[in-house]
N, C-alpha and C. Protein backbone atom coordinates (compact mmCIF):
# COMPACT_ATOMS: atom_id res chain seq x y z
N MET A 1 37.17 -0.61 51.47
CA MET A 1 36.96 -1.51 52.68
C MET A 1 36.95 -0.68 53.96
N LEU A 2 37.88 0.23 54.07
CA LEU A 2 37.99 1.03 55.27
C LEU A 2 36.83 1.99 55.44
N LYS A 3 36.39 2.57 54.32
CA LYS A 3 35.20 3.50 54.32
C LYS A 3 33.98 2.70 54.76
N THR A 4 33.79 1.47 54.31
CA THR A 4 32.69 0.66 54.72
C THR A 4 32.77 0.31 56.23
N ALA A 5 33.99 -0.01 56.68
CA ALA A 5 34.14 -0.38 58.07
C ALA A 5 33.95 0.80 59.01
N LEU A 6 34.24 2.02 58.51
CA LEU A 6 34.11 3.21 59.35
C LEU A 6 33.53 4.34 58.47
N PRO A 7 32.24 4.34 58.23
CA PRO A 7 31.61 5.28 57.30
C PRO A 7 31.84 6.77 57.66
N GLU A 8 32.05 7.08 58.92
CA GLU A 8 32.22 8.46 59.30
C GLU A 8 33.66 8.94 59.26
N ALA A 9 34.55 8.13 58.71
CA ALA A 9 35.99 8.41 58.66
C ALA A 9 36.22 9.77 57.99
N HIS A 10 37.14 10.57 58.62
CA HIS A 10 37.54 11.82 57.97
C HIS A 10 39.09 11.86 57.73
N GLU A 11 39.77 10.80 58.12
CA GLU A 11 41.18 10.69 57.83
C GLU A 11 41.43 9.31 57.27
N LEU A 12 42.31 9.20 56.27
CA LEU A 12 42.67 7.94 55.62
C LEU A 12 44.16 7.91 55.42
N ALA A 13 44.82 6.88 56.00
CA ALA A 13 46.26 6.70 55.76
C ALA A 13 46.41 5.35 55.06
N LEU A 14 47.23 5.32 54.01
CA LEU A 14 47.51 4.10 53.26
C LEU A 14 48.98 3.90 53.20
N GLY A 15 49.47 2.66 52.96
CA GLY A 15 50.90 2.48 52.89
C GLY A 15 51.23 1.09 52.33
N PHE A 16 52.50 0.91 51.90
CA PHE A 16 52.98 -0.36 51.46
C PHE A 16 54.41 -0.58 51.82
N GLU A 17 54.77 -1.85 51.84
CA GLU A 17 56.17 -2.26 52.08
C GLU A 17 56.51 -3.41 51.11
N SER A 18 57.70 -3.28 50.44
CA SER A 18 58.09 -4.33 49.50
C SER A 18 59.60 -4.30 49.41
N ASP A 19 60.17 -5.51 49.19
CA ASP A 19 61.59 -5.61 48.97
C ASP A 19 61.94 -5.69 47.49
N GLN A 20 60.99 -5.36 46.68
CA GLN A 20 61.11 -5.53 45.23
C GLN A 20 62.15 -4.56 44.61
N ARG A 21 62.94 -5.03 43.67
CA ARG A 21 63.81 -4.20 42.90
C ARG A 21 63.05 -3.42 41.86
N MET A 22 63.47 -2.15 41.64
CA MET A 22 62.82 -1.29 40.64
C MET A 22 63.13 -1.74 39.24
N SER A 23 62.21 -1.53 38.34
CA SER A 23 62.44 -1.63 36.91
C SER A 23 63.03 -0.35 36.40
N GLN A 24 63.51 -0.32 35.15
CA GLN A 24 64.04 0.97 34.62
C GLN A 24 62.95 2.01 34.57
N GLY A 25 61.75 1.65 34.18
CA GLY A 25 60.65 2.58 34.08
C GLY A 25 60.32 3.22 35.43
N THR A 26 60.26 2.39 36.43
CA THR A 26 59.94 2.94 37.83
C THR A 26 61.05 3.85 38.26
N ALA A 27 62.33 3.50 38.00
CA ALA A 27 63.45 4.31 38.42
C ALA A 27 63.43 5.63 37.68
N LYS A 28 63.06 5.69 36.41
CA LYS A 28 62.98 6.89 35.65
C LYS A 28 61.88 7.82 36.19
N THR A 29 60.74 7.20 36.55
CA THR A 29 59.70 8.00 37.12
C THR A 29 60.10 8.62 38.45
N ALA A 30 60.85 7.83 39.27
CA ALA A 30 61.34 8.37 40.56
C ALA A 30 62.28 9.54 40.31
N VAL A 31 63.14 9.48 39.25
CA VAL A 31 64.07 10.55 38.93
C VAL A 31 63.26 11.82 38.62
N GLU A 32 62.18 11.69 37.92
CA GLU A 32 61.39 12.88 37.56
C GLU A 32 60.87 13.60 38.80
N ALA A 33 60.70 12.86 39.88
CA ALA A 33 60.11 13.41 41.12
C ALA A 33 61.21 14.01 42.03
N LEU A 34 62.49 13.73 41.75
CA LEU A 34 63.58 14.21 42.65
C LEU A 34 63.51 15.71 42.76
N GLY A 35 63.64 16.20 43.97
CA GLY A 35 63.64 17.64 44.20
C GLY A 35 62.29 18.30 44.27
N LYS A 36 61.25 17.54 44.01
CA LYS A 36 59.90 18.10 44.12
C LYS A 36 59.32 17.83 45.50
N SER A 37 58.29 18.57 45.84
CA SER A 37 57.67 18.42 47.17
C SER A 37 56.85 17.17 47.20
N GLY A 38 56.64 16.62 48.43
CA GLY A 38 55.62 15.58 48.60
C GLY A 38 54.26 16.17 48.56
N LYS A 39 53.28 15.31 48.57
CA LYS A 39 51.85 15.74 48.47
C LYS A 39 50.98 14.92 49.46
N ILE A 40 50.09 15.62 50.14
CA ILE A 40 49.06 14.97 50.94
C ILE A 40 47.76 15.70 50.66
N ARG A 41 46.60 15.09 51.01
CA ARG A 41 45.36 15.79 50.93
C ARG A 41 44.91 16.25 52.30
N ARG A 42 44.62 17.53 52.42
CA ARG A 42 44.19 18.12 53.69
C ARG A 42 42.94 18.94 53.47
N ASP A 43 41.86 18.57 54.20
CA ASP A 43 40.59 19.27 54.08
C ASP A 43 40.14 19.34 52.64
N GLY A 44 40.36 18.25 51.92
CA GLY A 44 39.88 18.16 50.52
C GLY A 44 40.79 18.67 49.45
N ARG A 45 41.85 19.36 49.88
CA ARG A 45 42.79 19.95 48.87
C ARG A 45 44.15 19.21 48.94
N ILE A 46 44.76 19.05 47.76
CA ILE A 46 46.12 18.49 47.74
C ILE A 46 47.13 19.60 48.01
N VAL A 47 47.95 19.38 49.06
CA VAL A 47 48.89 20.44 49.46
C VAL A 47 50.31 19.81 49.57
N ASP A 48 51.31 20.68 49.58
CA ASP A 48 52.68 20.22 49.66
C ASP A 48 53.04 19.68 51.09
N LEU A 49 53.95 18.77 51.07
CA LEU A 49 54.57 18.29 52.38
C LEU A 49 56.01 17.98 52.07
N PRO A 50 56.95 18.66 52.68
CA PRO A 50 58.37 18.44 52.42
C PRO A 50 58.72 16.91 52.52
N ILE A 51 59.45 16.44 51.56
CA ILE A 51 59.91 15.03 51.52
C ILE A 51 60.69 14.72 52.79
N GLY A 52 60.32 13.62 53.47
CA GLY A 52 61.06 13.24 54.67
C GLY A 52 60.42 13.73 55.97
N SER A 53 59.36 14.54 55.85
CA SER A 53 58.66 14.96 57.05
C SER A 53 57.41 14.15 57.24
N GLY A 54 56.80 14.21 58.44
CA GLY A 54 55.58 13.49 58.75
C GLY A 54 55.73 11.97 58.88
N CYS A 55 56.93 11.51 59.22
CA CYS A 55 57.16 10.04 59.36
C CYS A 55 56.46 9.48 60.58
N ARG A 56 56.16 8.17 60.53
CA ARG A 56 55.57 7.51 61.68
C ARG A 56 55.92 6.03 61.63
N GLU A 57 55.68 5.35 62.71
CA GLU A 57 55.93 3.91 62.78
C GLU A 57 54.65 3.17 62.30
N ILE A 58 54.81 2.22 61.38
CA ILE A 58 53.69 1.47 60.85
C ILE A 58 54.07 -0.02 60.79
N ASP A 59 53.12 -0.88 61.24
CA ASP A 59 53.34 -2.32 61.04
C ASP A 59 52.54 -2.72 59.78
N PHE A 60 53.26 -2.95 58.69
CA PHE A 60 52.62 -3.29 57.43
C PHE A 60 52.29 -4.80 57.42
N GLY A 61 52.76 -5.53 58.38
CA GLY A 61 52.52 -6.94 58.48
C GLY A 61 53.71 -7.78 58.84
N ARG A 62 54.89 -7.10 58.92
CA ARG A 62 56.09 -7.80 59.30
C ARG A 62 56.77 -7.07 60.50
N GLY A 63 56.00 -6.43 61.32
CA GLY A 63 56.53 -5.68 62.45
C GLY A 63 56.65 -4.18 62.16
N PRO A 64 56.74 -3.36 63.21
CA PRO A 64 56.80 -1.95 63.00
C PRO A 64 57.98 -1.47 62.20
N LYS A 65 57.79 -0.59 61.28
CA LYS A 65 58.79 0.03 60.45
C LYS A 65 58.58 1.51 60.36
N ARG A 66 59.70 2.25 60.26
CA ARG A 66 59.57 3.70 59.97
C ARG A 66 59.05 3.87 58.57
N ALA A 67 58.05 4.76 58.45
CA ALA A 67 57.39 4.96 57.14
C ALA A 67 57.37 6.46 56.85
N MET A 68 57.56 6.74 55.58
CA MET A 68 57.65 8.17 55.13
C MET A 68 56.50 8.51 54.15
N PRO A 69 55.84 9.62 54.30
CA PRO A 69 54.83 10.01 53.34
C PRO A 69 55.45 10.20 51.98
N ILE A 70 54.68 9.82 50.93
CA ILE A 70 55.11 9.94 49.56
C ILE A 70 53.97 10.49 48.70
N PRO A 71 54.29 11.17 47.61
CA PRO A 71 53.25 11.79 46.78
C PRO A 71 52.64 10.69 45.81
N TRP A 72 52.03 9.69 46.37
CA TRP A 72 51.48 8.59 45.59
C TRP A 72 50.16 8.93 44.98
N GLY A 73 49.71 8.22 43.90
CA GLY A 73 48.48 8.56 43.23
C GLY A 73 47.25 8.50 44.10
N ASP A 74 47.30 7.65 45.13
CA ASP A 74 46.10 7.52 46.01
C ASP A 74 45.71 8.80 46.73
N VAL A 75 46.69 9.70 46.92
CA VAL A 75 46.39 11.00 47.45
C VAL A 75 45.30 11.64 46.67
N ALA A 76 45.33 11.51 45.35
CA ALA A 76 44.27 12.00 44.45
C ALA A 76 43.14 11.08 44.37
N SER A 77 43.36 9.79 43.98
CA SER A 77 42.25 8.92 43.64
C SER A 77 41.39 8.48 44.82
N ALA A 78 42.01 8.24 45.98
CA ALA A 78 41.25 7.70 47.12
C ALA A 78 40.15 8.67 47.53
N PHE A 79 40.33 9.94 47.31
CA PHE A 79 39.33 10.96 47.66
C PHE A 79 38.07 10.69 46.84
N TYR A 80 38.19 10.36 45.58
CA TYR A 80 37.01 10.14 44.73
C TYR A 80 36.41 8.76 45.01
N THR A 81 37.16 7.80 45.48
CA THR A 81 36.62 6.53 45.84
C THR A 81 35.85 6.63 47.12
N THR A 82 36.39 7.34 48.14
CA THR A 82 35.81 7.29 49.49
C THR A 82 35.12 8.58 49.95
N GLY A 83 35.47 9.74 49.37
CA GLY A 83 34.95 10.96 49.83
C GLY A 83 35.70 11.50 51.12
N ILE A 84 36.69 10.77 51.56
CA ILE A 84 37.47 11.18 52.79
C ILE A 84 38.39 12.32 52.36
N SER A 85 38.37 13.39 53.17
CA SER A 85 39.03 14.62 52.75
C SER A 85 40.46 14.79 53.26
N ASN A 86 40.95 13.95 54.07
CA ASN A 86 42.31 13.97 54.59
C ASN A 86 43.00 12.64 54.29
N ILE A 87 43.95 12.63 53.38
CA ILE A 87 44.62 11.38 52.91
C ILE A 87 46.13 11.56 52.83
N ILE A 88 46.83 10.52 53.29
CA ILE A 88 48.27 10.51 53.25
C ILE A 88 48.65 9.08 52.91
N VAL A 89 49.74 8.92 52.12
CA VAL A 89 50.25 7.59 51.75
C VAL A 89 51.67 7.43 52.18
N PHE A 90 52.01 6.29 52.75
CA PHE A 90 53.31 6.04 53.33
C PHE A 90 54.00 4.86 52.60
N THR A 91 55.32 4.81 52.70
CA THR A 91 56.08 3.65 52.35
C THR A 91 57.16 3.46 53.40
N ALA A 92 57.50 2.17 53.65
CA ALA A 92 58.59 1.87 54.60
C ALA A 92 59.91 2.42 54.08
N VAL A 93 60.75 2.94 54.93
CA VAL A 93 62.01 3.59 54.46
C VAL A 93 63.08 3.34 55.53
N SER A 94 64.30 3.05 55.03
CA SER A 94 65.40 2.88 55.91
C SER A 94 65.98 4.26 56.37
N SER A 95 66.79 4.21 57.42
CA SER A 95 67.36 5.47 57.88
C SER A 95 68.25 6.17 56.84
N PRO A 96 69.12 5.46 56.11
CA PRO A 96 69.93 6.11 55.10
C PRO A 96 69.08 6.74 53.98
N LEU A 97 68.03 5.98 53.52
CA LEU A 97 67.19 6.56 52.50
C LEU A 97 66.40 7.74 52.96
N LEU A 98 65.98 7.72 54.20
CA LEU A 98 65.29 8.91 54.77
C LEU A 98 66.16 10.11 54.82
N ALA A 99 67.43 9.92 55.17
CA ALA A 99 68.39 11.03 55.20
C ALA A 99 68.59 11.61 53.81
N ILE A 100 68.70 10.71 52.77
CA ILE A 100 68.86 11.15 51.43
C ILE A 100 67.65 11.93 51.00
N ALA A 101 66.43 11.42 51.33
CA ALA A 101 65.21 12.07 50.92
C ALA A 101 65.12 13.51 51.49
N ARG A 102 65.58 13.66 52.73
CA ARG A 102 65.54 15.00 53.31
C ARG A 102 66.52 15.94 52.69
N LEU A 103 67.67 15.42 52.21
CA LEU A 103 68.65 16.20 51.51
C LEU A 103 68.06 16.78 50.16
N MET A 104 67.20 16.02 49.58
CA MET A 104 66.60 16.43 48.29
C MET A 104 65.88 17.76 48.42
N ASN A 105 65.33 18.04 49.63
CA ASN A 105 64.64 19.34 49.83
C ASN A 105 65.61 20.51 49.68
N VAL A 106 66.91 20.25 49.99
CA VAL A 106 67.91 21.32 49.90
C VAL A 106 68.40 21.51 48.47
N PHE A 107 68.56 20.38 47.78
CA PHE A 107 69.13 20.44 46.45
C PHE A 107 68.12 20.27 45.31
N GLY A 108 66.87 20.60 45.61
CA GLY A 108 65.79 20.38 44.66
C GLY A 108 66.03 21.05 43.29
N SER A 109 66.46 22.27 43.24
CA SER A 109 66.68 22.97 41.96
C SER A 109 67.76 22.29 41.12
N ILE A 110 68.82 21.77 41.80
CA ILE A 110 69.85 21.06 41.07
C ILE A 110 69.40 19.79 40.50
N LEU A 111 68.61 19.04 41.27
CA LEU A 111 68.11 17.68 40.83
C LEU A 111 67.15 17.86 39.71
N GLN A 112 66.47 19.01 39.62
CA GLN A 112 65.47 19.21 38.59
C GLN A 112 66.07 19.80 37.32
N SER A 113 67.31 20.13 37.38
CA SER A 113 67.96 20.73 36.13
C SER A 113 67.96 19.70 35.03
N PRO A 114 67.73 20.15 33.75
CA PRO A 114 67.71 19.20 32.63
C PRO A 114 69.00 18.39 32.47
N ARG A 115 70.10 19.01 32.76
CA ARG A 115 71.38 18.30 32.64
C ARG A 115 71.51 17.15 33.61
N VAL A 116 71.13 17.43 34.89
CA VAL A 116 71.19 16.35 35.88
C VAL A 116 70.19 15.30 35.56
N GLN A 117 68.94 15.69 35.22
CA GLN A 117 67.90 14.69 34.91
C GLN A 117 68.37 13.81 33.77
N THR A 118 68.92 14.35 32.70
CA THR A 118 69.39 13.55 31.59
C THR A 118 70.52 12.58 32.02
N TRP A 119 71.39 13.09 32.80
CA TRP A 119 72.50 12.23 33.27
C TRP A 119 71.95 11.07 34.08
N LEU A 120 71.06 11.31 34.97
CA LEU A 120 70.48 10.25 35.83
C LEU A 120 69.72 9.25 35.00
N VAL A 121 68.95 9.68 34.04
CA VAL A 121 68.22 8.76 33.15
C VAL A 121 69.16 7.88 32.41
N GLU A 122 70.21 8.44 31.82
CA GLU A 122 71.19 7.66 31.08
C GLU A 122 71.88 6.67 31.94
N ARG A 123 72.18 7.10 33.18
CA ARG A 123 72.79 6.11 34.11
C ARG A 123 71.85 4.94 34.44
N ILE A 124 70.57 5.24 34.59
CA ILE A 124 69.60 4.17 34.83
C ILE A 124 69.59 3.19 33.65
N GLU A 125 69.56 3.71 32.47
CA GLU A 125 69.55 2.86 31.30
C GLU A 125 70.72 1.95 31.21
N ARG A 126 71.88 2.43 31.74
CA ARG A 126 73.07 1.63 31.71
C ARG A 126 73.21 0.60 32.84
N THR A 127 72.67 0.94 33.98
CA THR A 127 72.96 0.14 35.15
C THR A 127 71.80 -0.57 35.83
N VAL A 128 70.57 -0.11 35.58
CA VAL A 128 69.43 -0.71 36.28
C VAL A 128 68.83 -1.85 35.51
N LYS A 129 68.67 -2.97 36.10
CA LYS A 129 68.05 -4.10 35.50
C LYS A 129 66.86 -4.53 36.36
N GLY A 130 65.70 -4.54 35.77
CA GLY A 130 64.52 -4.83 36.56
C GLY A 130 64.46 -6.23 37.04
N PRO A 131 63.51 -6.52 37.97
CA PRO A 131 63.41 -7.87 38.52
C PRO A 131 62.95 -8.86 37.52
N ASP A 132 63.57 -10.06 37.48
CA ASP A 132 63.09 -11.12 36.60
C ASP A 132 61.96 -11.87 37.23
N ALA A 133 61.42 -12.89 36.59
CA ALA A 133 60.22 -13.61 37.10
C ALA A 133 60.47 -14.17 38.52
N ALA A 134 61.64 -14.77 38.73
CA ALA A 134 61.96 -15.35 40.01
C ALA A 134 61.99 -14.28 41.12
N MET A 135 62.61 -13.15 40.82
CA MET A 135 62.65 -12.12 41.84
C MET A 135 61.25 -11.58 42.13
N ARG A 136 60.42 -11.43 41.08
CA ARG A 136 59.09 -10.93 41.31
C ARG A 136 58.31 -11.89 42.16
N GLU A 137 58.45 -13.18 41.85
CA GLU A 137 57.70 -14.23 42.60
C GLU A 137 58.09 -14.21 44.11
N ALA A 138 59.32 -13.82 44.39
CA ALA A 138 59.78 -13.88 45.75
C ALA A 138 59.63 -12.53 46.50
N SER A 139 58.91 -11.59 45.88
CA SER A 139 58.79 -10.26 46.46
C SER A 139 57.35 -9.83 46.55
N PRO A 140 56.60 -10.38 47.54
CA PRO A 140 55.24 -9.90 47.77
C PRO A 140 55.22 -8.44 48.29
N THR A 141 54.03 -7.87 48.29
CA THR A 141 53.86 -6.51 48.80
C THR A 141 52.88 -6.58 49.98
N TRP A 142 53.28 -5.85 51.06
CA TRP A 142 52.36 -5.76 52.21
C TRP A 142 51.67 -4.40 52.15
N LEU A 143 50.35 -4.42 52.16
CA LEU A 143 49.52 -3.20 52.14
C LEU A 143 48.89 -2.99 53.50
N TRP A 144 48.79 -1.71 53.86
CA TRP A 144 48.22 -1.33 55.17
C TRP A 144 47.33 -0.11 54.95
N GLY A 145 46.23 -0.05 55.65
CA GLY A 145 45.40 1.14 55.64
C GLY A 145 44.74 1.37 56.98
N GLU A 146 44.57 2.66 57.29
CA GLU A 146 43.96 3.08 58.57
C GLU A 146 43.02 4.19 58.33
N ALA A 147 41.76 4.03 58.83
CA ALA A 147 40.79 5.13 58.74
C ALA A 147 40.48 5.58 60.19
N LYS A 148 40.24 6.87 60.35
CA LYS A 148 39.87 7.45 61.67
C LYS A 148 38.73 8.38 61.46
N ASP A 149 37.87 8.41 62.53
CA ASP A 149 36.75 9.45 62.53
C ASP A 149 37.06 10.48 63.61
N ALA A 150 36.16 11.47 63.66
CA ALA A 150 36.40 12.64 64.52
C ALA A 150 36.37 12.30 66.02
N SER A 151 35.79 11.17 66.35
CA SER A 151 35.68 10.79 67.74
C SER A 151 36.91 10.04 68.22
N GLY A 152 37.80 9.71 67.34
CA GLY A 152 39.07 8.99 67.67
C GLY A 152 38.98 7.46 67.41
N ARG A 153 37.82 6.96 66.92
CA ARG A 153 37.78 5.58 66.53
C ARG A 153 38.59 5.30 65.27
N SER A 154 39.15 4.08 65.14
CA SER A 154 39.93 3.82 63.99
C SER A 154 39.73 2.38 63.56
N LYS A 155 39.99 2.10 62.28
CA LYS A 155 39.94 0.78 61.73
C LYS A 155 41.20 0.59 60.87
N VAL A 156 41.79 -0.62 60.99
CA VAL A 156 43.00 -0.92 60.26
C VAL A 156 42.78 -2.19 59.48
N ILE A 157 43.24 -2.23 58.22
CA ILE A 157 43.19 -3.42 57.41
C ILE A 157 44.61 -3.65 56.82
N ARG A 158 45.02 -4.88 56.75
CA ARG A 158 46.30 -5.27 56.10
C ARG A 158 46.08 -6.37 55.04
N LEU A 159 46.75 -6.22 53.93
CA LEU A 159 46.66 -7.22 52.86
C LEU A 159 48.07 -7.64 52.45
N VAL A 160 48.19 -8.80 51.88
CA VAL A 160 49.39 -9.30 51.28
C VAL A 160 49.08 -9.57 49.81
N THR A 161 49.86 -9.02 48.85
CA THR A 161 49.55 -9.20 47.45
C THR A 161 50.84 -9.68 46.70
N LEU A 162 50.66 -9.97 45.45
CA LEU A 162 51.81 -10.21 44.60
C LEU A 162 52.66 -8.95 44.53
N ASN A 163 53.82 -9.06 43.94
CA ASN A 163 54.65 -7.86 43.69
C ASN A 163 53.88 -6.85 42.82
N GLY A 164 54.28 -5.58 42.90
CA GLY A 164 53.53 -4.55 42.26
C GLY A 164 53.37 -4.69 40.75
N TYR A 165 54.42 -5.23 40.12
CA TYR A 165 54.35 -5.37 38.60
C TYR A 165 53.33 -6.40 38.23
N SER A 166 53.36 -7.57 38.86
CA SER A 166 52.44 -8.66 38.54
C SER A 166 51.02 -8.25 38.92
N LEU A 167 50.84 -7.62 40.02
CA LEU A 167 49.54 -7.18 40.51
C LEU A 167 48.94 -6.21 39.51
N THR A 168 49.75 -5.30 38.97
CA THR A 168 49.28 -4.33 37.98
C THR A 168 48.75 -5.04 36.73
N VAL A 169 49.47 -6.06 36.28
CA VAL A 169 49.01 -6.77 35.07
C VAL A 169 47.67 -7.44 35.34
N PHE A 170 47.53 -8.23 36.39
CA PHE A 170 46.29 -8.92 36.67
C PHE A 170 45.12 -7.95 36.87
N SER A 171 45.32 -6.88 37.61
CA SER A 171 44.27 -5.91 37.89
C SER A 171 43.84 -5.18 36.60
N SER A 172 44.81 -4.75 35.82
CA SER A 172 44.49 -4.01 34.63
C SER A 172 43.67 -4.89 33.65
N LEU A 173 44.09 -6.15 33.47
CA LEU A 173 43.39 -7.02 32.55
C LEU A 173 41.96 -7.32 33.05
N ALA A 174 41.83 -7.47 34.36
CA ALA A 174 40.45 -7.76 34.89
C ALA A 174 39.58 -6.55 34.72
N ILE A 175 40.07 -5.30 34.81
CA ILE A 175 39.29 -4.12 34.63
C ILE A 175 38.86 -4.03 33.17
N VAL A 176 39.82 -4.28 32.25
CA VAL A 176 39.47 -4.20 30.82
C VAL A 176 38.40 -5.19 30.46
N GLU A 177 38.54 -6.44 31.01
CA GLU A 177 37.52 -7.46 30.75
C GLU A 177 36.12 -7.02 31.26
N ARG A 178 36.10 -6.38 32.41
CA ARG A 178 34.84 -5.91 32.96
C ARG A 178 34.22 -4.81 32.04
N LEU A 179 35.00 -3.91 31.58
CA LEU A 179 34.54 -2.85 30.72
C LEU A 179 34.04 -3.40 29.38
N ILE A 180 34.77 -4.35 28.83
CA ILE A 180 34.30 -4.90 27.58
C ILE A 180 33.02 -5.70 27.75
N ALA A 181 32.91 -6.47 28.86
CA ALA A 181 31.75 -7.29 29.04
C ALA A 181 30.49 -6.50 29.40
N ASN A 182 30.62 -5.45 30.26
CA ASN A 182 29.45 -4.81 30.78
C ASN A 182 29.36 -3.36 30.39
N GLY A 183 30.43 -2.79 29.97
CA GLY A 183 30.38 -1.36 29.59
C GLY A 183 30.33 -0.55 30.88
N PHE A 184 30.64 0.78 30.77
CA PHE A 184 30.60 1.61 31.93
C PHE A 184 30.47 3.00 31.42
N PRO A 185 29.73 3.91 32.09
CA PRO A 185 29.56 5.28 31.60
C PRO A 185 30.96 5.96 31.38
N PRO A 186 31.09 6.74 30.35
CA PRO A 186 32.36 7.44 30.11
C PRO A 186 32.66 8.36 31.27
N GLY A 187 33.95 8.65 31.48
CA GLY A 187 34.38 9.55 32.52
C GLY A 187 35.63 9.04 33.20
N CYS A 188 35.92 9.65 34.39
CA CYS A 188 37.13 9.25 35.11
C CYS A 188 36.64 8.40 36.32
N TRP A 189 37.19 7.26 36.47
CA TRP A 189 36.75 6.30 37.57
C TRP A 189 37.96 5.68 38.16
N THR A 190 37.87 5.41 39.45
CA THR A 190 38.89 4.67 40.14
C THR A 190 38.60 3.17 39.99
N PRO A 191 39.60 2.30 40.17
CA PRO A 191 39.30 0.85 40.06
C PRO A 191 38.17 0.37 40.99
N ALA A 192 38.18 0.88 42.24
CA ALA A 192 37.17 0.42 43.14
C ALA A 192 35.76 0.90 42.76
N ALA A 193 35.71 2.08 42.10
CA ALA A 193 34.40 2.57 41.68
C ALA A 193 33.81 1.68 40.61
N ILE A 194 34.64 1.11 39.73
CA ILE A 194 34.20 0.17 38.69
C ILE A 194 34.05 -1.23 39.22
N MET A 195 35.00 -1.71 40.01
CA MET A 195 35.03 -3.09 40.38
C MET A 195 34.50 -3.47 41.71
N GLY A 196 34.31 -2.46 42.61
CA GLY A 196 33.83 -2.74 43.98
C GLY A 196 34.96 -2.87 44.91
N LYS A 197 34.65 -2.71 46.22
CA LYS A 197 35.66 -2.68 47.27
C LYS A 197 36.47 -4.01 47.44
N ASP A 198 35.87 -5.15 47.08
CA ASP A 198 36.49 -6.44 47.29
C ASP A 198 37.31 -6.92 46.06
N PHE A 199 37.36 -6.09 45.04
CA PHE A 199 38.08 -6.51 43.84
C PHE A 199 39.48 -7.00 44.09
N ILE A 200 40.23 -6.34 44.91
CA ILE A 200 41.61 -6.71 45.19
C ILE A 200 41.71 -8.14 45.70
N LEU A 201 40.71 -8.55 46.47
CA LEU A 201 40.78 -9.89 47.04
C LEU A 201 40.51 -11.00 46.00
N SER A 202 40.06 -10.61 44.82
CA SER A 202 39.80 -11.60 43.74
C SER A 202 41.04 -11.86 42.94
N LEU A 203 42.09 -11.04 43.12
CA LEU A 203 43.28 -11.18 42.29
C LEU A 203 44.22 -12.26 42.83
N PRO A 204 44.98 -12.92 41.98
CA PRO A 204 45.86 -14.00 42.42
C PRO A 204 46.88 -13.49 43.44
N GLY A 205 47.13 -14.28 44.50
CA GLY A 205 48.12 -13.98 45.46
C GLY A 205 47.75 -12.94 46.49
N THR A 206 46.46 -12.53 46.59
CA THR A 206 46.04 -11.52 47.52
C THR A 206 45.22 -12.15 48.61
N SER A 207 45.51 -11.70 49.85
CA SER A 207 44.69 -12.18 50.96
C SER A 207 44.81 -11.12 52.08
N LYS A 208 43.77 -11.16 52.94
CA LYS A 208 43.79 -10.28 54.13
C LYS A 208 44.77 -10.87 55.14
N ALA A 209 45.61 -9.98 55.68
CA ALA A 209 46.58 -10.45 56.63
C ALA A 209 45.92 -10.64 58.04
N ASP A 210 44.88 -9.86 58.27
CA ASP A 210 44.12 -10.01 59.52
C ASP A 210 42.76 -9.33 59.33
N SER A 211 41.91 -9.44 60.26
CA SER A 211 40.63 -8.77 60.27
C SER A 211 40.81 -7.33 60.69
N PRO A 212 39.83 -6.42 60.25
CA PRO A 212 39.91 -5.03 60.68
C PRO A 212 39.92 -4.98 62.23
N CYS A 213 40.84 -4.17 62.74
CA CYS A 213 40.88 -3.96 64.21
C CYS A 213 40.49 -2.53 64.44
N SER A 214 40.01 -2.24 65.67
CA SER A 214 39.54 -0.89 65.97
C SER A 214 40.00 -0.49 67.37
N THR A 215 40.05 0.81 67.50
CA THR A 215 40.30 1.39 68.84
C THR A 215 39.27 2.44 69.10
N GLU A 216 38.76 2.49 70.30
CA GLU A 216 37.72 3.46 70.68
C GLU A 216 38.38 4.71 71.26
């Protein structure tokens, strides 16, 4: 959507905010990343960015929040969807969590040790209980994206969706149905490349929070 709104864009920032509780699987994935560097795309290449650096204020749809860059999959995939060579992904973060994230840069080797990783995973299995249906229903996700071109023009789009777990189910099933019905050339594809830029708006519980806005 942003690439269409601003075809000359050379910077893309994406982000999300949610109050959703993590499942065990999500928590275990987060543990695997502890102590590792963040990632952004700069001039077409994926490069390191220390966790906790590069923060900015973003209004995801509920007012301005401090947001921290994270090594999300869109740093890789959005390049192939849009061709934009500079990409960064943010998530809203509280001050205590930001302080903890920055400490991870110091204790990275300890957090990555097999003994610590095993202990953390075992603790997750004992203590973490994922969100039930009622919690998921009460936890929408606010999505935000901003594209900029070399002249300083920008476009912003905000969406509200279901919680991440439910959205993943609906989107994955819709993509499988499309592939079964129509077929698609073998290879690696992003969802938007297969389904089109407005696919997200066809999913239950998704709507635009406002129209794209621009600054000259």
